[in-house]
Amino acid sequence: MQTDWIIDVLADLRSYAEMNGLPATAASLEDATLVALAEVASVQARDRSGAGSAARMGHDGAARQAGNITWLFAGGDNG
């Protein structure tokens, strides 16, 4: 998948933060990783359903654009 790299980068940054005494940064990067995983999965699901390009272009409304994490966690990817 072409978006796996972002997960790897976040993991590297988190490791660096942990090894260099930056626990708050490490915790934030862990949160960012979870958000990125959810968002990537959402985009992939929309792409598989054929709705991905329309959603990214705003044809389903601005709140449904790919990358809108508020919409994602509000259950917006359920249909």
Protein backbone atom coordinates (compact mmCIF):
# COMPACT_ATOMS: atom_id res chain seq x y z
CA MET A 1 0.00 0.00 0.00
CA GLN A 2 1.32 3.43 -0.88
CA THR A 3 0.40 4.96 2.51
CA ASP A 4 2.27 2.50 4.77
CA TRP A 5 5.25 4.83 4.85
CA ILE A 6 3.48 7.29 7.15
CA ILE A 7 2.97 4.57 9.78
CA ASP A 8 6.65 3.65 9.56
CA VAL A 9 7.74 7.27 9.94
CA LEU A 10 5.51 7.76 12.98
CA ALA A 11 6.91 4.56 14.54
CA ASP A 12 10.48 5.77 13.97
CA LEU A 13 9.69 9.15 15.51
CA ARG A 14 8.04 7.48 18.50
CA SER A 15 11.07 5.23 19.05
CA TYR A 16 13.36 8.23 18.91
CA ALA A 17 11.21 10.12 21.40
CA GLU A 18 11.14 7.16 23.80
CA MET A 19 14.90 6.66 23.62
CA ASN A 20 15.59 10.35 24.18
CA GLY A 21 13.42 11.05 27.21
CA LEU A 22 10.47 12.63 25.44
CA PRO A 23 7.53 10.68 26.91
CA ALA A 24 4.82 13.22 26.04
CA THR A 25 6.02 13.35 22.45
CA ALA A 26 6.09 9.55 22.31
CA ALA A 27 2.53 9.35 23.64
CA SER A 28 1.34 11.94 21.13
CA LEU A 29 3.00 10.03 18.31
CA GLU A 30 1.26 6.85 19.47
CA ASP A 31 -2.06 8.72 19.25
CA ALA A 32 -1.11 10.07 15.83
CA THR A 33 -0.34 6.53 14.67
CA LEU A 34 -3.79 5.32 15.73
CA VAL A 35 -5.42 8.23 13.91
CA ALA A 36 -3.32 7.57 10.80
CA LEU A 37 -4.20 3.86 10.81
CA ALA A 38 -7.92 4.64 11.09
CA GLU A 39 -7.75 7.30 8.42
CA VAL A 40 -5.78 5.12 5.98
CA ALA A 41 -8.26 2.27 6.51
CA SER A 42 -11.14 4.66 5.86
CA VAL A 43 -9.63 5.95 2.64
CA GLN A 44 -8.90 2.41 1.47
CA ALA A 45 -12.47 1.32 2.21
CA ARG A 46 -13.85 4.25 0.25
CA ASP A 47 -11.51 3.53 -2.64
CA ARG A 48 -12.62 -0.12 -2.72
CA SER A 49 -16.28 0.91 -2.68
CA GLY A 50 -15.78 3.30 -5.58
CA ALA A 51 -16.83 6.29 -3.49
CA GLY A 52 -13.27 7.42 -2.76
CA SER A 53 -12.74 9.81 -5.63
CA ALA A 54 -16.09 11.52 -5.14
CA ALA A 55 -15.52 11.88 -1.40
CA ARG A 56 -12.05 13.37 -1.88
CA MET A 57 -13.37 15.81 -4.46
CA GLY A 58 -16.11 17.01 -2.12
CA HIS A 59 -19.04 15.63 -4.13
CA ASP A 60 -20.47 14.11 -0.96
CA GLY A 61 -20.13 17.34 1.01
CA ALA A 62 -17.17 18.97 2.71
CA ALA A 63 -17.67 17.03 5.94
CA ARG A 64 -17.17 13.73 4.09
CA GLN A 65 -13.83 14.55 2.48
CA ALA A 66 -11.05 12.03 2.92
CA GLY A 67 -8.89 13.16 5.79
CA ASN A 68 -11.69 14.55 7.92
CA ILE A 69 -10.96 12.66 11.13
CA THR A 70 -13.94 14.17 12.97
CA TRP A 71 -16.27 12.68 10.36
CA LEU A 72 -14.42 9.37 10.53
CA PHE A 73 -14.68 8.97 14.30
CA ALA A 74 -18.30 10.13 14.28
CA GLY A 75 -19.12 7.00 12.30
CA GLY A 76 -19.18 8.72 8.92
CA ASP A 77 -17.56 5.76 7.22
CA ASN A 78 -20.57 3.54 7.96
CA GLY A 79 -22.39 4.31 4.80
